[in-house]
Structure formats: C-alpha cells, structure tokens
Amino acid sequence: MIITENTLVSMLRTPLILAGCAVGAFLAAGCSPAGSTDDASGSTDAALTVGASLYPLQFVAERVGGDSVEVVSLIATGVEPHDAEISPAMVRQMQSMDTVLTLSDFSAAVDEAVDATGVRAVDAHAVVDEHGPEVAHHAEESHATDGHDHEDEDHAHEDEDSHEGHDHGALDPHFWTDPSIFAEFVPAVVAEYSELDPDNAQAYADNGDRLVAQLTELDDAFSEGLATCERREIFVSHEAYGYLAMHHDLVQEGLSGLDPEAEPSPARVREIRDQIAGTGATTIFTESLVSSAVAESLASDLGVTTDVLDPIESAVDGDDYIAIQERNLDAMRSGLGCA
C-alpha cells in the first residue's frame, strides 16, 4: 500500500496525545506523550533521532552517528523498498525526528511522507545526479560495442521502467553498489549531524573518516579481485549494478531494467539467452528479495548456474553492508572466472 496525500494529511491532523486513548486504533499502540522514546525504536539517550529510508542510508547513518544518534528505519527490515509500505505510526514518528536520510524517486511512500510531514531531510539523489549520467553513458557504450543488437532490449526496458510507481527516469538510483561512489555520501551526513549537534561534531567527523577508509579498502578489494577475469559480462535479475559495472569495466545485462519486479519481455529473455550462449557465461545472478523464477528457469534451460548478487536494498539478521559486499565480490569472482 502506498499512502495517499489525503490519508497522510488526515494522519497529521490526529493529535499525538489522545485523552484516555479513546480512539480504538490507538489502543494497541498505547498512549505515549509527545517526545517520549517509549516506542518501536526503543528508549535512548541519543542526541539525535534520524530516519533512514532504505538500508544503505541506514548503514551510513549508524556508522557516522555512533552512540550519539538513534537511527530508525522507515521501512521494515527485509522488505523490498521500491513498493514498500510506510505505516501511519511511522509517519507520525517522523514528525519528531531531527532529520531523515532519503533517496527521492526511489520509494513513493517515503517521498509522500517526507513531503507531508515537512521533516528535515538529506537527499542522497545528489550523488545520483552527479554520477548517474556517466553510468548511463557507460551502459550505452557497452551495448554499442558488444556485438549484439539491442533494439528489442531498448523497447522492452522502456516498457519496464515506465510502470507506475517505478519511474526512475534514465538514471540508475543504486549508487551504493559501488563503494567508491557510496563513500561520497558520507560527508553530507557528517555535515548534517554536525549542524544539528555541534557538541559532537568532532566525533561525527572521526566516524565519517573511519567509514570512508573502510569503503576505500572495500573498493580496493573489488579492483584487485575483478582485475583479471575470463569474462566481463554480468547477467543479473535487474540492473542495479551500473555504478559497479562502470567502475570496473564490466558489462551489465539485466533480465529486467531498473524495476526489480518488472516481468522481462519474451524478446528480452531470448536476447539474454543468446548473449549467455555467445559469451560462455556460467552464471546468472539473482536476488533474495524478488522472485528468481525467470532466471532459474533460463539457467536450467542453458545448463548454467545461479548465484546471489545482493543489491543491498535491505539487510537482515545482523548482516551489514561490508559483509554483503564481500559476499558479492566472492560471487562475482566465481561467476566471472577471475584469477
């Protein structure tokens, strides 16, 4: 469910304190006074309360904030964020947050909630605006020089990316799949925290420096690990890896475009089939949060394997960005035949 503007306005007009908790919808949640930390996020003495619209932004929020910041995920853990719901309780909670880290045009429900609440926000789309055109150009060049006719593919992707609620335009929003570009978002978070909480500014700066160093080390591992491979084509469920592909001179070929839940056209499936056969690829990369049925069926028909390449849109069971990326690198090295 995506909350409509009228629903949000109605929610925002509902008093946060209801005498005697008389309205039935609020009985289950209890009756906490405004500003209380006795809610889903838990009790905390943190200097700031920060919302995060998807896991990669939550990761940065937590690493930069340390013990001084309470980070609240706006979307439930383990949920694919493109079409995720945002609860009325979370919309109300957003009104008392100090700031929200968000990526506009990625989750319609979050965009609507940010607009309706007027909460202060840091929009990571600035990174997409800077690097997205270069990624799109790299993809066009790769397709133009790989010896394949992409006329059917272009038409299929136009259909897929125009689905209601999934229009990302021409730019890939998944900038965090490349650690070197992901690191560029860190200073914006440091600056936001420091402005809101100047007493802890030095701690935020130090935490940010440590995180950038970790991401730089991870980027070096990708560069070394993908330097010498038998193949440069990665066949994926949906095209979430454009930044990573550009940085390491890979060619990304997706069954779906930027929309992870779009059904690939028969023409696109045939094209991917021909490309896998022509390149000698041994692996089709799938994801954990969306159906892999088409990829599994195609892999079975071609006699190739599947492996998980995580777009890191969510994390569960104590997992984190660094660990997921290390597994992604291992999967790519295996699938591409890297030395």
Protein backbone atom coordinates (compact mmCIF):
# COMPACT_ATOMS: atom_id res chain seq x y z
CA MET A 1 0.00 0.00 0.00
CA ILE A 2 1.25 3.50 -0.84
CA ILE A 3 -0.27 6.09 1.46
CA THR A 4 -2.11 8.81 -0.43
CA GLU A 5 -1.76 12.51 0.28
CA ASN A 6 -5.27 12.68 1.74
CA THR A 7 -4.51 9.82 4.12
CA LEU A 8 -1.28 11.48 5.27
CA VAL A 9 -2.98 14.81 5.86
CA SER A 10 -5.61 13.04 7.92
CA MET A 11 -2.93 11.32 9.98
CA LEU A 12 -1.07 14.56 10.59
CA ARG A 13 -4.26 16.19 11.90
CA THR A 14 -4.70 13.42 14.51
CA PRO A 15 -3.43 14.62 17.92
CA LEU A 16 -0.38 12.78 19.17
CA ILE A 17 -1.91 12.61 22.67
CA LEU A 18 -5.42 11.23 22.81
CA ALA A 19 -7.19 11.71 26.15
CA GLY A 20 -7.75 8.28 27.66
CA CYS A 21 -6.59 6.73 24.38
CA ALA A 22 -10.24 6.74 23.42
CA VAL A 23 -9.80 6.07 19.72
CA GLY A 24 -9.72 2.31 19.15
CA ALA A 25 -7.00 2.44 16.51
CA PHE A 26 -4.57 3.68 19.13
CA LEU A 27 -5.43 1.26 21.94
CA ALA A 28 -2.98 -1.38 20.79
CA ALA A 29 -0.15 1.12 20.49
CA GLY A 30 -0.70 2.62 23.95
CA CYS A 31 -0.73 6.29 24.83
CA SER A 32 2.74 7.79 24.97
CA PRO A 33 3.28 11.52 25.46
CA ALA A 34 4.85 13.60 22.73
CA GLY A 35 8.63 13.31 22.72
CA SER A 36 8.61 10.00 24.56
CA THR A 37 11.17 7.42 23.42
CA ASP A 38 8.95 4.56 24.57
CA ASP A 39 8.13 3.46 21.04
CA ALA A 40 9.19 0.96 18.36
CA SER A 41 12.66 2.49 18.22
CA GLY A 42 13.36 1.79 21.90
CA SER A 43 14.47 4.04 24.75
CA THR A 44 17.60 6.06 24.07
CA ASP A 45 19.69 8.94 25.37
CA ALA A 46 20.95 9.78 21.88
CA ALA A 47 21.47 13.41 20.92
CA LEU A 48 19.72 12.96 17.57
CA THR A 49 16.97 10.79 16.17
CA VAL A 50 17.44 10.11 12.47
CA GLY A 51 15.23 8.27 10.00
CA ALA A 52 16.60 6.29 7.05
CA SER A 53 14.51 5.41 4.01
CA LEU A 54 16.49 2.34 2.95
CA TYR A 55 19.25 0.15 4.32
CA PRO A 56 22.38 1.67 2.70
CA LEU A 57 21.44 5.09 4.09
CA GLN A 58 20.74 3.49 7.46
CA PHE A 59 24.23 1.96 7.40
CA VAL A 60 25.85 5.36 6.90
CA ALA A 61 23.55 6.96 9.48
CA GLU A 62 24.58 4.41 12.10
CA ARG A 63 28.30 4.38 11.35
CA VAL A 64 28.62 8.18 11.35
CA GLY A 65 26.34 8.67 14.35
CA GLY A 66 27.74 6.03 16.67
CA ASP A 67 26.25 6.14 20.16
CA SER A 68 25.12 9.75 19.73
CA VAL A 69 22.44 9.01 17.14
CA GLU A 70 19.38 6.80 17.25
CA VAL A 71 18.63 5.58 13.73
CA VAL A 72 15.11 4.50 12.79
CA SER A 73 14.41 2.55 9.60
CA LEU A 74 11.32 3.99 7.91
CA ILE A 75 10.64 0.67 6.14
CA ALA A 76 10.51 -2.74 7.77
CA THR A 77 13.68 -4.83 7.61
CA GLY A 78 13.81 -7.39 4.83
CA VAL A 79 11.21 -5.64 2.67
CA GLU A 80 11.97 -4.72 -0.96
CA PRO A 81 11.82 -0.90 -0.70
CA HIS A 82 10.53 0.14 -4.13
CA ASP A 83 6.91 -0.71 -3.31
CA ALA A 84 7.22 -0.85 0.48
CA GLU A 85 4.51 0.43 2.76
CA ILE A 86 5.14 3.04 5.42
CA SER A 87 2.90 2.74 8.46
CA PRO A 88 0.75 5.55 9.88
CA ALA A 89 2.63 5.18 13.17
CA MET A 90 5.95 5.74 11.39
CA VAL A 91 4.58 8.82 9.62
CA ARG A 92 3.63 10.29 13.00
CA GLN A 93 7.04 9.37 14.42
CA MET A 94 8.78 11.15 11.55
CA GLN A 95 7.39 14.47 12.80
CA SER A 96 9.64 14.31 15.86
CA MET A 97 12.81 13.18 14.05
CA ASP A 98 15.71 15.60 13.77
CA THR A 99 16.37 14.67 10.16
CA VAL A 100 15.77 11.91 7.62
CA LEU A 101 18.22 10.41 5.13
CA THR A 102 16.33 9.65 1.96
CA LEU A 103 16.68 8.94 -1.76
CA SER A 104 13.98 10.74 -3.67
CA ASP A 105 12.23 8.97 -6.56
CA PHE A 106 13.09 5.55 -5.11
CA SER A 107 10.16 4.83 -2.78
CA ALA A 108 6.94 6.70 -3.49
CA ALA A 109 5.57 6.10 0.02
CA VAL A 110 8.65 7.65 1.65
CA ASP A 111 8.59 10.63 -0.71
CA GLU A 112 4.95 11.29 0.16
CA ALA A 113 5.62 11.00 3.89
CA VAL A 114 8.60 13.38 3.75
CA ASP A 115 6.57 15.93 1.80
CA ALA A 116 3.54 15.67 4.05
CA THR A 117 5.41 15.86 7.36
CA GLY A 118 7.85 18.56 6.26
CA VAL A 119 10.61 16.76 8.16
CA ARG A 120 14.16 17.96 7.58
CA ALA A 121 15.90 15.66 5.10
CA VAL A 122 19.19 14.92 3.36
CA ASP A 123 18.50 13.64 -0.15
CA ALA A 124 21.12 11.22 -1.49
CA HIS A 125 19.84 11.83 -5.01
CA ALA A 126 22.56 14.48 -5.32
CA VAL A 127 25.05 11.61 -5.76
CA VAL A 128 22.83 10.06 -8.46
CA ASP A 129 22.55 13.39 -10.25
CA GLU A 130 26.35 13.69 -10.31
CA HIS A 131 27.28 10.17 -11.42
CA GLY A 132 24.11 8.75 -12.96
CA PRO A 133 24.59 10.32 -16.41
CA GLU A 134 28.10 8.85 -16.62
CA VAL A 135 26.74 5.41 -15.69
CA ALA A 136 24.04 5.66 -18.35
CA HIS A 137 26.65 6.67 -20.93
CA HIS A 138 28.86 3.73 -19.96
CA ALA A 139 25.93 1.37 -20.40
CA GLU A 140 25.15 2.79 -23.84
CA GLU A 141 28.77 2.46 -24.93
CA SER A 142 28.97 -1.11 -23.64
CA HIS A 143 25.82 -2.10 -25.53
CA ALA A 144 27.02 -0.39 -28.68
CA THR A 145 30.32 -2.28 -28.75
CA ASP A 146 29.39 -5.77 -27.55
CA GLY A 147 28.32 -7.06 -30.96
CA HIS A 148 24.64 -7.54 -30.09
CA ASP A 149 21.52 -5.93 -31.50
CA HIS A 150 19.75 -4.19 -28.61
CA GLU A 151 16.76 -2.81 -30.47
CA ASP A 152 14.36 -5.24 -28.76
CA GLU A 153 16.07 -4.69 -25.41
CA ASP A 154 15.66 -0.92 -25.54
CA HIS A 155 11.98 -1.30 -26.32
CA ALA A 156 11.50 -3.83 -23.55
CA HIS A 157 13.26 -1.63 -20.99
CA GLU A 158 11.13 1.35 -21.95
CA ASP A 159 8.06 -0.73 -21.12
CA GLU A 160 9.53 -2.00 -17.84
CA ASP A 161 10.75 1.31 -16.47
CA SER A 162 7.53 3.17 -17.24
CA HIS A 163 5.46 1.06 -14.82
CA GLU A 164 3.51 3.19 -12.38
CA GLY A 165 5.46 3.79 -9.16
CA HIS A 166 8.79 2.71 -10.63
CA ASP A 167 9.80 5.52 -12.95
CA HIS A 168 13.46 6.21 -12.12
CA GLY A 169 13.98 8.15 -15.33
CA ALA A 170 17.20 7.47 -17.18
CA LEU A 171 19.40 7.34 -14.06
CA ASP A 172 20.24 4.25 -12.01
CA PRO A 173 19.50 5.10 -8.34
CA HIS A 174 21.61 2.27 -6.86
CA PHE A 175 24.76 4.35 -6.31
CA TRP A 176 25.74 2.41 -3.17
CA THR A 177 26.64 -0.74 -5.15
CA ASP A 178 29.98 0.95 -5.90
CA PRO A 179 31.82 1.58 -2.58
CA SER A 180 33.87 4.45 -4.01
CA ILE A 181 30.75 6.40 -5.01
CA PHE A 182 28.89 5.36 -1.87
CA ALA A 183 31.68 6.99 0.17
CA GLU A 184 30.81 10.34 -1.38
CA PHE A 185 27.55 10.42 0.57
CA VAL A 186 29.33 10.24 3.93
CA PRO A 187 30.43 13.92 4.15
CA ALA A 188 26.84 15.08 3.65
CA VAL A 189 25.76 13.04 6.68
CA VAL A 190 28.69 14.29 8.76
CA ALA A 191 27.77 17.88 7.88
CA GLU A 192 24.09 17.35 8.73
CA TYR A 193 24.82 15.77 12.11
CA SER A 194 27.40 18.42 12.96
CA GLU A 195 24.99 21.25 12.21
CA LEU A 196 22.23 19.70 14.30
CA ASP A 197 24.53 18.62 17.16
CA PRO A 198 27.71 20.76 17.16
CA ASP A 199 28.81 19.40 20.54
CA ASN A 200 29.55 16.04 18.91
CA ALA A 201 30.82 17.40 15.58
CA GLN A 202 34.36 16.07 16.02
CA ALA A 203 33.10 12.58 16.84
CA TYR A 204 30.92 12.60 13.72
CA ALA A 205 33.88 13.72 11.60
CA ASP A 206 36.10 10.98 13.04
CA ASN A 207 33.42 8.34 12.48
CA GLY A 208 32.96 9.55 8.92
CA ASP A 209 36.69 9.32 8.24
CA ARG A 210 36.78 5.74 9.53
CA LEU A 211 33.82 4.77 7.36
CA VAL A 212 35.34 6.32 4.23
CA ALA A 213 38.57 4.41 4.95
CA GLN A 214 36.59 1.14 5.21
CA LEU A 215 34.78 1.84 1.95
CA THR A 216 38.07 2.70 0.24
CA GLU A 217 39.55 -0.60 1.42
CA LEU A 218 36.48 -2.42 0.11
CA ASP A 219 36.77 -0.64 -3.23
CA ASP A 220 40.42 -1.69 -3.46
CA ALA A 221 39.35 -5.30 -2.85
CA PHE A 222 36.88 -5.09 -5.77
CA SER A 223 39.51 -3.54 -8.04
CA GLU A 224 42.04 -6.24 -7.24
CA GLY A 225 39.52 -9.08 -7.27
CA LEU A 226 37.95 -8.16 -10.62
CA ALA A 227 41.12 -7.11 -12.42
CA THR A 228 41.75 -10.39 -14.26
CA CYS A 229 38.63 -12.36 -15.20
CA GLU A 230 37.72 -14.67 -18.06
CA ARG A 231 34.53 -12.73 -18.73
CA ARG A 232 33.37 -9.13 -18.22
CA GLU A 233 29.60 -9.60 -18.67
CA ILE A 234 27.38 -9.90 -15.60
CA PHE A 235 23.87 -11.25 -16.22
CA VAL A 236 21.52 -10.09 -13.47
CA SER A 237 17.87 -10.17 -12.49
CA HIS A 238 17.56 -6.39 -12.60
CA GLU A 239 20.00 -3.66 -13.49
CA ALA A 240 21.08 -2.42 -10.06
CA TYR A 241 24.84 -2.63 -10.64
CA GLY A 242 25.54 0.11 -13.18
CA TYR A 243 27.88 2.07 -10.92
CA LEU A 244 29.89 -1.03 -10.04
CA ALA A 245 29.99 -2.10 -13.69
CA MET A 246 31.24 1.30 -14.85
CA HIS A 247 33.96 1.47 -12.20
CA HIS A 248 35.34 -1.99 -13.02
CA ASP A 249 34.80 -2.03 -16.80
CA LEU A 250 32.05 -4.65 -16.69
CA VAL A 251 29.04 -5.03 -18.97
CA GLN A 252 25.75 -5.39 -17.08
CA GLU A 253 22.91 -7.26 -18.79
CA GLY A 254 19.62 -7.44 -16.91
CA LEU A 255 16.53 -9.52 -17.48
CA SER A 256 14.62 -6.54 -16.09
CA GLY A 257 15.60 -2.88 -16.21
CA LEU A 258 15.72 -0.70 -13.09
CA ASP A 259 12.43 -2.11 -11.81
CA PRO A 260 13.18 -5.35 -9.92
CA GLU A 261 9.62 -6.65 -10.18
CA ALA A 262 9.02 -5.96 -13.88
CA GLU A 263 8.48 -9.10 -15.95
CA PRO A 264 11.03 -9.30 -18.77
CA SER A 265 9.57 -9.44 -22.25
CA PRO A 266 9.93 -12.67 -24.28
CA ALA A 267 12.21 -10.77 -26.65
CA ARG A 268 14.49 -9.76 -23.77
CA VAL A 269 14.65 -13.33 -22.44
CA ARG A 270 15.62 -14.58 -25.90
CA GLU A 271 18.29 -11.92 -26.16
CA ILE A 272 19.78 -12.78 -22.78
CA ARG A 273 19.72 -16.46 -23.75
CA ASP A 274 21.71 -15.69 -26.93
CA GLN A 275 24.18 -13.49 -25.07
CA ILE A 276 24.86 -16.09 -22.40
CA ALA A 277 25.48 -18.70 -25.08
CA GLY A 278 27.68 -16.32 -27.05
CA THR A 279 29.84 -15.17 -24.15
CA GLY A 280 30.26 -18.53 -22.47
CA ALA A 281 28.81 -17.17 -19.23
CA THR A 282 28.37 -19.73 -16.48
CA THR A 283 26.21 -17.79 -14.02
CA ILE A 284 23.01 -15.75 -13.86
CA PHE A 285 22.91 -13.58 -10.75
CA THR A 286 19.66 -13.44 -8.78
CA GLU A 287 18.47 -11.59 -5.66
CA SER A 288 16.96 -12.63 -2.35
CA LEU A 289 14.08 -10.11 -2.10
CA VAL A 290 12.48 -10.61 -5.53
CA SER A 291 11.40 -13.69 -7.45
CA SER A 292 14.16 -15.57 -9.26
CA ALA A 293 11.77 -17.81 -11.19
CA VAL A 294 12.60 -16.48 -14.66
CA ALA A 295 16.34 -16.53 -14.03
CA GLU A 296 16.21 -20.03 -12.53
CA SER A 297 14.21 -21.33 -15.49
CA LEU A 298 16.58 -19.75 -18.01
CA ALA A 299 19.63 -21.09 -16.17
CA SER A 300 18.15 -24.57 -16.17
CA ASP A 301 17.45 -24.42 -19.90
CA LEU A 302 21.00 -23.26 -20.65
CA GLY A 303 22.76 -25.57 -18.22
CA VAL A 304 24.32 -22.70 -16.23
CA THR A 305 24.16 -21.93 -12.52
CA THR A 306 22.63 -19.14 -10.47
CA ASP A 307 24.18 -17.25 -7.59
CA VAL A 308 23.02 -14.37 -5.40
CA LEU A 309 24.28 -10.86 -6.14
CA ASP A 310 22.70 -8.67 -3.49
CA PRO A 311 21.67 -5.10 -4.46
CA ILE A 312 21.87 -4.28 -0.72
CA GLU A 313 18.47 -2.64 -0.54
CA SER A 314 17.88 -4.32 2.84
CA ALA A 315 19.79 -6.31 5.44
CA VAL A 316 18.58 -8.92 7.92
CA ASP A 317 19.85 -10.99 10.86
CA GLY A 318 22.66 -8.65 11.86
CA ASP A 319 24.13 -8.51 8.37
CA ASP A 320 25.77 -5.29 7.21
CA TYR A 321 26.89 -3.52 4.04
CA ILE A 322 30.53 -4.56 4.28
CA ALA A 323 29.77 -8.26 4.77
CA ILE A 324 27.20 -8.27 1.95
CA GLN A 325 29.64 -6.62 -0.44
CA GLU A 326 32.35 -9.11 0.45
CA ARG A 327 29.94 -11.92 -0.47
CA ASN A 328 29.04 -10.08 -3.68
CA LEU A 329 32.71 -9.90 -4.63
CA ASP A 330 33.17 -13.61 -3.98
CA ALA A 331 30.10 -14.40 -6.12
CA MET A 332 31.31 -12.21 -8.98
CA ARG A 333 34.81 -13.65 -8.92
CA SER A 334 33.39 -17.15 -9.11
CA GLY A 335 30.83 -16.31 -11.78
CA LEU A 336 33.25 -14.37 -13.98
CA GLY A 337 36.15 -16.80 -13.64
CA CYS A 338 38.52 -14.31 -12.01
CA ALA A 339 42.09 -15.28 -11.23
